[in-house]
Amino acid sequence: MKFASEKSSSADGRLLLVAKDMSRAIAVPDIADTLQQALNNWAEAEPLLQARYAALNDGQLSDAQPLSSFNLDAPMPRSWQWLDGSCFLNHGHLMQKAFHLDPIEDADKYPLVYQGAGDNFSAPTDPLVMPNAEVGADFEGEFGVIIDKLPMGATAQQAYDAIRLVVLLNDISYRALAPREMKTGFGFVQAKGATAFAPVAVTPDELGDAWHNGRVQLPVHIERSGEWFGNPNGAEMHFGFQDVIAHVTQTRALNAGTVVGSGTVSNADPTVGQACIAEIRAKELIKHGAPQTPFLSDGETVVMQALDNAGNSVFGAISQTVTLEVQ
């Protein structure tokens, strides 16, 4: 199934069921008003949603409207919890080499995860806001999952079985603010902006063979101001999403609607480019002794989407224009 959320007077938006070809959508208030409500009652809601989804795809719902006619929010406009990982070891290795950092002990055995702000996710076309021009604004193309509730001490298999939806997201970073916060060992706060989501969330079965072992084996195609920037593939994710989730639950239970990110998609093959500016700057630092690519500036546009083998956009596109919010 495929889902989206329409912007509404509710902070959680209005749930839409989206056709497989993403041409049409329909609200389903008799089943669930919001995606969070559907997730809270997934056992009861899923078969009803499946039946409605089949009818939508068969053209049986005359009140379905073009998806383009809806003012779309993030599929999950806010979440009880947003946990972001760093699951592509190539990204970490590049940063360590470029900045002469000590390797993180057991980074290949235990997932790196931090707790972000889930109270206000951005819609796919919302501005990418810079609080000022000096923050070093950067994008990060990532995959993510939205899960059902899990108890403390959940196994990797339980975690895998609890994955309800897969998403594509742009995790905003303010790179100039990160070093001080990293030195404290206390986590990111100022260095992270509002995370933006592609418009459509999909159940894992919609991905077919591209969903394997808790990894999204699709490339993320990224353009910066109309120029190709990269198309790294999610297949090189070192930890599957189930491993990240199980790691977190060793000391806490998780509520339905928790969002878990993969971290910046990164591949060892340099010809596929990269999914964030920090990574290309690290490559330049290693090769030339100094970074050459600037961070984002006011008025630039960042577009990212994941394409299947037929060239279809799986989650729809994130397209954000950088806006300087003068303070």
Protein backbone atom coordinates (compact mmCIF):
# COMPACT_ATOMS: atom_id res chain seq x y z
CA MET A 1 0.00 0.00 0.00
CA LYS A 2 0.93 3.63 -0.43
CA PHE A 3 0.02 6.49 1.86
CA ALA A 4 0.29 10.27 1.98
CA SER A 5 -1.00 12.99 4.29
CA GLU A 6 -2.82 16.12 3.22
CA LYS A 7 -2.12 19.34 5.09
CA SER A 8 -5.06 20.19 7.32
CA SER A 9 -5.99 22.01 10.52
CA SER A 10 -4.68 18.96 12.39
CA ALA A 11 -0.96 18.82 13.15
CA ASP A 12 -1.09 15.17 12.02
CA GLY A 13 -2.65 15.98 8.63
CA ARG A 14 -5.37 13.95 6.91
CA LEU A 15 -4.52 10.41 5.82
CA LEU A 16 -4.72 9.60 2.11
CA LEU A 17 -4.57 6.20 0.48
CA VAL A 18 -2.56 6.55 -2.74
CA ALA A 19 -2.95 4.44 -5.88
CA LYS A 20 -0.08 2.16 -6.87
CA ASP A 21 0.78 4.34 -9.87
CA MET A 22 0.46 7.44 -7.62
CA SER A 23 -2.04 9.02 -10.01
CA ARG A 24 -4.95 9.23 -7.57
CA ALA A 25 -5.66 9.31 -3.85
CA ILE A 26 -8.58 9.20 -1.47
CA ALA A 27 -9.17 9.99 2.19
CA VAL A 28 -10.30 7.08 4.37
CA PRO A 29 -11.84 8.68 7.49
CA ASP A 30 -14.07 5.66 8.15
CA ILE A 31 -10.86 3.63 8.67
CA ALA A 32 -8.41 6.20 10.03
CA ASP A 33 -8.22 10.00 10.02
CA THR A 34 -4.42 10.11 10.25
CA LEU A 35 -1.47 7.84 9.60
CA GLN A 36 -0.72 7.78 13.32
CA GLN A 37 -4.24 6.56 14.00
CA ALA A 38 -3.86 3.80 11.40
CA LEU A 39 -0.56 2.70 12.97
CA ASN A 40 -2.05 2.74 16.46
CA ASN A 41 -4.69 0.26 15.28
CA TRP A 42 -2.78 -1.54 12.52
CA ALA A 43 -4.13 -5.03 13.17
CA GLU A 44 -7.69 -3.80 12.64
CA ALA A 45 -6.97 -1.13 10.03
CA GLU A 46 -4.66 -3.06 7.70
CA PRO A 47 -7.22 -5.46 6.15
CA LEU A 48 -9.68 -2.61 5.65
CA LEU A 49 -7.00 -0.47 4.04
CA GLN A 50 -5.90 -3.38 1.83
CA ALA A 51 -9.44 -3.84 0.55
CA ARG A 52 -9.83 -0.11 -0.12
CA TYR A 53 -6.42 -0.02 -1.83
CA ALA A 54 -7.45 -2.83 -4.18
CA ALA A 55 -10.65 -0.97 -5.04
CA LEU A 56 -8.70 2.24 -5.65
CA ASN A 57 -6.29 0.49 -8.01
CA ASP A 58 -9.18 -1.17 -9.83
CA GLY A 59 -10.80 2.22 -10.49
CA GLN A 60 -13.84 1.41 -8.37
CA LEU A 61 -13.72 4.55 -6.19
CA SER A 62 -15.39 7.37 -8.10
CA ASP A 63 -14.56 9.96 -5.44
CA ALA A 64 -10.79 9.44 -5.76
CA GLN A 65 -8.97 12.60 -6.84
CA PRO A 66 -5.69 13.23 -8.66
CA LEU A 67 -2.85 13.08 -6.17
CA SER A 68 -1.59 16.38 -7.58
CA SER A 69 -4.76 18.11 -6.39
CA PHE A 70 -3.88 17.59 -2.72
CA ASN A 71 -1.63 19.90 -0.71
CA LEU A 72 0.66 17.23 0.68
CA ASP A 73 2.48 17.23 3.98
CA ALA A 74 5.09 14.72 5.08
CA PRO A 75 3.41 11.27 5.21
CA MET A 76 3.99 11.39 8.98
CA PRO A 77 3.86 15.15 9.79
CA ARG A 78 5.11 14.56 13.32
CA SER A 79 6.21 11.55 15.34
CA TRP A 80 6.53 10.47 18.93
CA GLN A 81 10.15 9.70 18.18
CA TRP A 82 12.66 10.30 15.38
CA LEU A 83 15.80 8.18 15.58
CA ASP A 84 18.49 8.66 12.96
CA GLY A 85 21.31 6.22 12.38
CA SER A 86 24.64 6.36 10.59
CA CYS A 87 24.54 2.99 8.86
CA PHE A 88 26.72 3.55 5.79
CA LEU A 89 30.27 2.91 6.95
CA ASN A 90 31.76 4.49 3.83
CA HIS A 91 30.47 7.89 4.96
CA GLY A 92 32.15 7.55 8.34
CA HIS A 93 35.39 6.31 6.82
CA LEU A 94 35.56 9.34 4.52
CA MET A 95 34.99 11.75 7.39
CA GLN A 96 37.64 10.07 9.51
CA LYS A 97 40.19 10.17 6.70
CA ALA A 98 39.46 13.77 5.70
CA PHE A 99 39.52 15.21 9.21
CA HIS A 100 42.07 12.84 10.76
CA LEU A 101 39.54 11.53 13.28
CA ASP A 102 40.09 8.46 15.39
CA PRO A 103 37.93 5.52 14.30
CA ILE A 104 34.83 4.99 16.41
CA GLU A 105 35.33 1.77 18.36
CA ASP A 106 33.04 -1.09 17.23
CA ALA A 107 31.21 1.14 14.72
CA ASP A 108 30.87 -1.94 12.52
CA LYS A 109 29.27 -3.94 15.36
CA TYR A 110 26.92 -1.47 17.05
CA PRO A 111 24.77 1.01 15.09
CA LEU A 112 25.34 4.70 15.68
CA VAL A 113 21.99 6.35 16.48
CA TYR A 114 20.95 9.72 17.85
CA GLN A 115 17.54 11.05 18.85
CA GLY A 116 16.33 13.91 16.66
CA ALA A 117 13.32 16.22 16.77
CA GLY A 118 10.17 14.52 15.52
CA ASP A 119 7.69 17.21 16.46
CA ASN A 120 7.68 19.06 13.13
CA PHE A 121 8.68 17.30 9.92
CA SER A 122 8.73 19.26 6.66
CA ALA A 123 6.54 18.64 3.62
CA PRO A 124 8.26 17.62 0.36
CA THR A 125 8.09 21.15 -1.09
CA ASP A 126 8.50 23.19 2.08
CA PRO A 127 11.47 25.60 2.05
CA LEU A 128 14.84 24.38 3.26
CA VAL A 129 15.38 27.04 5.88
CA MET A 130 18.76 28.51 6.82
CA PRO A 131 18.66 30.56 10.05
CA ASN A 132 21.61 32.55 8.66
CA ALA A 133 24.12 32.27 5.85
CA GLU A 134 26.95 31.07 8.09
CA VAL A 135 25.47 27.81 9.38
CA GLY A 136 26.81 25.64 6.54
CA ALA A 137 23.42 24.31 5.43
CA ASP A 138 23.55 20.82 3.94
CA PHE A 139 21.11 18.17 2.74
CA GLU A 140 21.29 14.43 3.45
CA GLY A 141 19.47 11.88 1.32
CA GLU A 142 18.32 8.98 3.49
CA PHE A 143 15.87 6.12 3.63
CA GLY A 144 13.75 5.56 6.70
CA VAL A 145 11.11 3.27 8.16
CA ILE A 146 8.04 3.82 10.31
CA ILE A 147 7.32 1.06 12.78
CA ASP A 148 4.63 -0.47 14.94
CA LYS A 149 5.03 -0.57 18.72
CA LEU A 150 7.78 -2.76 20.12
CA PRO A 151 8.64 -3.88 23.65
CA MET A 152 11.95 -3.31 25.34
CA GLY A 153 14.36 -6.09 24.40
CA ALA A 154 12.83 -6.78 20.99
CA THR A 155 14.79 -9.13 18.76
CA ALA A 156 15.94 -8.22 15.26
CA GLN A 157 13.21 -10.47 13.85
CA GLN A 158 10.54 -8.75 15.94
CA ALA A 159 11.90 -5.41 14.79
CA TYR A 160 11.80 -6.51 11.14
CA ASP A 161 8.22 -7.71 11.50
CA ALA A 162 7.23 -4.36 13.05
CA ILE A 163 8.35 -2.30 10.02
CA ARG A 164 5.14 -0.95 8.53
CA LEU A 165 6.27 1.71 6.06
CA VAL A 166 9.35 2.82 4.15
CA VAL A 167 10.08 6.49 3.39
CA LEU A 168 12.62 8.73 1.68
CA LEU A 169 13.80 11.79 3.57
CA ASN A 170 16.10 14.79 3.48
CA ASP A 171 17.78 15.24 6.86
CA ILE A 172 18.95 18.85 7.09
CA SER A 173 22.27 19.60 8.78
CA TYR A 174 23.95 22.88 9.70
CA ARG A 175 27.56 21.77 9.40
CA ALA A 176 29.17 24.86 10.94
CA LEU A 177 27.28 24.22 14.18
CA ALA A 178 28.04 20.50 14.44
CA PRO A 179 31.67 20.46 15.65
CA ARG A 180 31.02 22.16 18.97
CA GLU A 181 28.04 19.93 19.72
CA MET A 182 29.98 16.80 18.73
CA LYS A 183 32.77 17.72 21.14
CA THR A 184 30.34 17.79 24.05
CA GLY A 185 29.38 14.15 23.45
CA PHE A 186 25.82 15.17 24.19
CA GLY A 187 24.19 14.91 20.76
CA PHE A 188 22.90 17.24 18.03
CA VAL A 189 20.40 20.02 18.69
CA GLN A 190 21.29 23.27 16.92
CA ALA A 191 23.07 21.44 14.10
CA LYS A 192 19.87 19.84 12.82
CA GLY A 193 17.01 21.48 10.93
CA ALA A 194 13.54 20.11 10.23
CA THR A 195 13.70 16.81 8.34
CA ALA A 196 11.76 16.76 5.05
CA PHE A 197 10.00 13.70 3.62
CA ALA A 198 9.06 12.59 0.13
CA PRO A 199 5.26 12.70 -0.22
CA VAL A 200 4.48 8.97 -0.25
CA ALA A 201 5.19 6.24 2.31
CA VAL A 202 5.01 2.65 1.06
CA THR A 203 4.62 -0.72 2.70
CA PRO A 204 7.73 -2.89 2.25
CA ASP A 205 5.97 -5.29 -0.14
CA GLU A 206 5.51 -2.43 -2.63
CA LEU A 207 9.29 -2.39 -3.11
CA GLY A 208 9.46 -5.99 -4.33
CA ASP A 209 13.04 -7.21 -4.70
CA ALA A 210 14.32 -3.73 -3.78
CA TRP A 211 13.42 -4.50 -0.15
CA HIS A 212 15.96 -7.07 1.03
CA ASN A 213 17.23 -7.89 4.51
CA GLY A 214 15.89 -4.64 5.95
CA ARG A 215 17.60 -2.49 3.32
CA VAL A 216 16.19 -0.38 0.48
CA GLN A 217 18.19 -1.44 -2.57
CA LEU A 218 17.41 1.59 -4.68
CA PRO A 219 19.50 4.59 -5.73
CA VAL A 220 18.74 8.06 -4.39
CA HIS A 221 18.94 10.50 -7.29
CA ILE A 222 19.92 13.98 -6.15
CA GLU A 223 20.11 17.24 -8.08
CA ARG A 224 21.47 20.50 -6.74
CA SER A 225 20.28 23.59 -8.60
CA GLY A 226 19.53 21.49 -11.69
CA GLU A 227 22.88 19.67 -11.73
CA TRP A 228 23.43 15.98 -10.99
CA PHE A 229 24.92 15.52 -7.53
CA GLY A 230 24.74 11.79 -6.93
CA ASN A 231 22.79 8.56 -7.08
CA PRO A 232 24.20 6.30 -4.33
CA ASN A 233 22.34 3.05 -3.62
CA GLY A 234 20.85 1.97 -0.29
CA ALA A 235 22.12 -1.59 -0.76
CA GLU A 236 25.43 -0.75 0.96
CA MET A 237 23.72 -0.04 4.29
CA HIS A 238 25.92 -1.94 6.78
CA PHE A 239 23.15 -2.54 9.34
CA GLY A 240 19.62 -3.45 8.29
CA PHE A 241 16.82 -1.37 9.78
CA GLN A 242 15.91 -4.31 12.03
CA ASP A 243 19.40 -4.19 13.56
CA VAL A 244 19.13 -0.48 14.31
CA ILE A 245 15.68 -0.86 15.83
CA ALA A 246 16.64 -3.87 17.96
CA HIS A 247 19.71 -1.97 19.17
CA VAL A 248 17.54 0.90 20.39
CA THR A 249 15.01 -1.35 22.12
CA GLN A 250 17.62 -2.89 24.38
CA THR A 251 16.81 -0.17 26.92
CA ARG A 252 13.43 1.21 25.83
CA ALA A 253 10.11 0.30 24.27
CA LEU A 254 9.08 2.10 21.08
CA ASN A 255 5.67 3.48 20.23
CA ALA A 256 3.83 2.96 16.96
CA GLY A 257 4.80 5.74 14.57
CA THR A 258 8.46 5.88 15.57
CA VAL A 259 10.57 6.90 12.55
CA VAL A 260 14.06 5.41 12.10
CA GLY A 261 16.53 6.80 9.54
CA SER A 262 19.43 5.10 7.77
CA GLY A 263 21.81 8.03 7.82
CA THR A 264 23.29 9.51 4.65
CA VAL A 265 23.29 7.00 1.80
CA SER A 266 26.92 6.50 0.81
CA ASN A 267 28.72 4.13 -1.57
CA ALA A 268 32.37 3.19 -1.96
CA ASP A 269 32.18 3.71 -5.74
CA PRO A 270 33.11 7.39 -6.31
CA THR A 271 31.39 7.49 -9.71
CA VAL A 272 27.92 7.39 -8.10
CA GLY A 273 28.50 10.73 -6.39
CA GLN A 274 27.14 11.39 -2.93
CA ALA A 275 23.99 12.27 -0.98
CA CYS A 276 25.31 15.23 1.02
CA ILE A 277 27.66 18.17 0.53
CA ALA A 278 29.81 17.24 3.52
CA GLU A 279 30.85 14.04 1.77
CA ILE A 280 32.00 15.68 -1.46
CA ARG A 281 33.89 18.26 0.61
CA ALA A 282 35.61 15.40 2.47
CA LYS A 283 36.62 13.83 -0.85
CA GLU A 284 38.00 17.18 -2.01
CA LEU A 285 39.90 17.63 1.22
CA ILE A 286 41.51 14.21 0.83
CA LYS A 287 42.40 14.79 -2.84
CA HIS A 288 43.24 18.50 -2.93
CA GLY A 289 43.96 19.43 0.68
CA ALA A 290 40.98 21.79 0.86
CA PRO A 291 37.23 21.58 0.19
CA GLN A 292 35.98 23.32 -2.94
CA THR A 293 32.22 22.77 -3.02
CA PRO A 294 30.28 25.37 -1.01
CA PHE A 295 27.40 24.60 1.28
CA LEU A 296 23.90 25.70 0.29
CA SER A 297 23.08 29.32 -0.40
CA ASP A 298 19.82 31.26 -0.52
CA GLY A 299 17.69 30.42 -3.57
CA GLU A 300 19.24 27.07 -4.45
CA THR A 301 16.96 24.08 -5.06
CA VAL A 302 17.58 20.49 -3.95
CA VAL A 303 15.63 17.64 -5.56
CA MET A 304 15.85 14.00 -4.51
CA GLN A 305 13.89 10.88 -5.35
CA ALA A 306 14.35 7.12 -5.50
CA LEU A 307 13.73 5.50 -8.88
CA ASP A 308 12.94 1.84 -9.57
CA ASN A 309 14.39 -0.15 -12.46
CA ALA A 310 11.69 1.17 -14.78
CA GLY A 311 12.54 4.77 -13.89
CA ASN A 312 9.42 5.32 -11.78
CA SER A 313 9.62 7.53 -8.70
CA VAL A 314 8.88 5.20 -5.78
CA PHE A 315 8.12 7.78 -3.07
CA GLY A 316 7.62 10.91 -5.16
CA ALA A 317 10.11 13.76 -5.12
CA ILE A 318 11.44 16.04 -2.43
CA SER A 319 12.00 19.47 -3.98
CA GLN A 320 13.10 22.20 -1.61
CA THR A 321 14.30 25.72 -2.26
CA VAL A 322 16.73 27.19 0.23
CA THR A 323 15.32 30.18 2.10
CA LEU A 324 17.29 32.48 4.34
CA GLU A 325 15.29 33.29 7.45
CA VAL A 326 16.72 36.62 8.49
CA GLN A 327 17.08 37.01 12.23
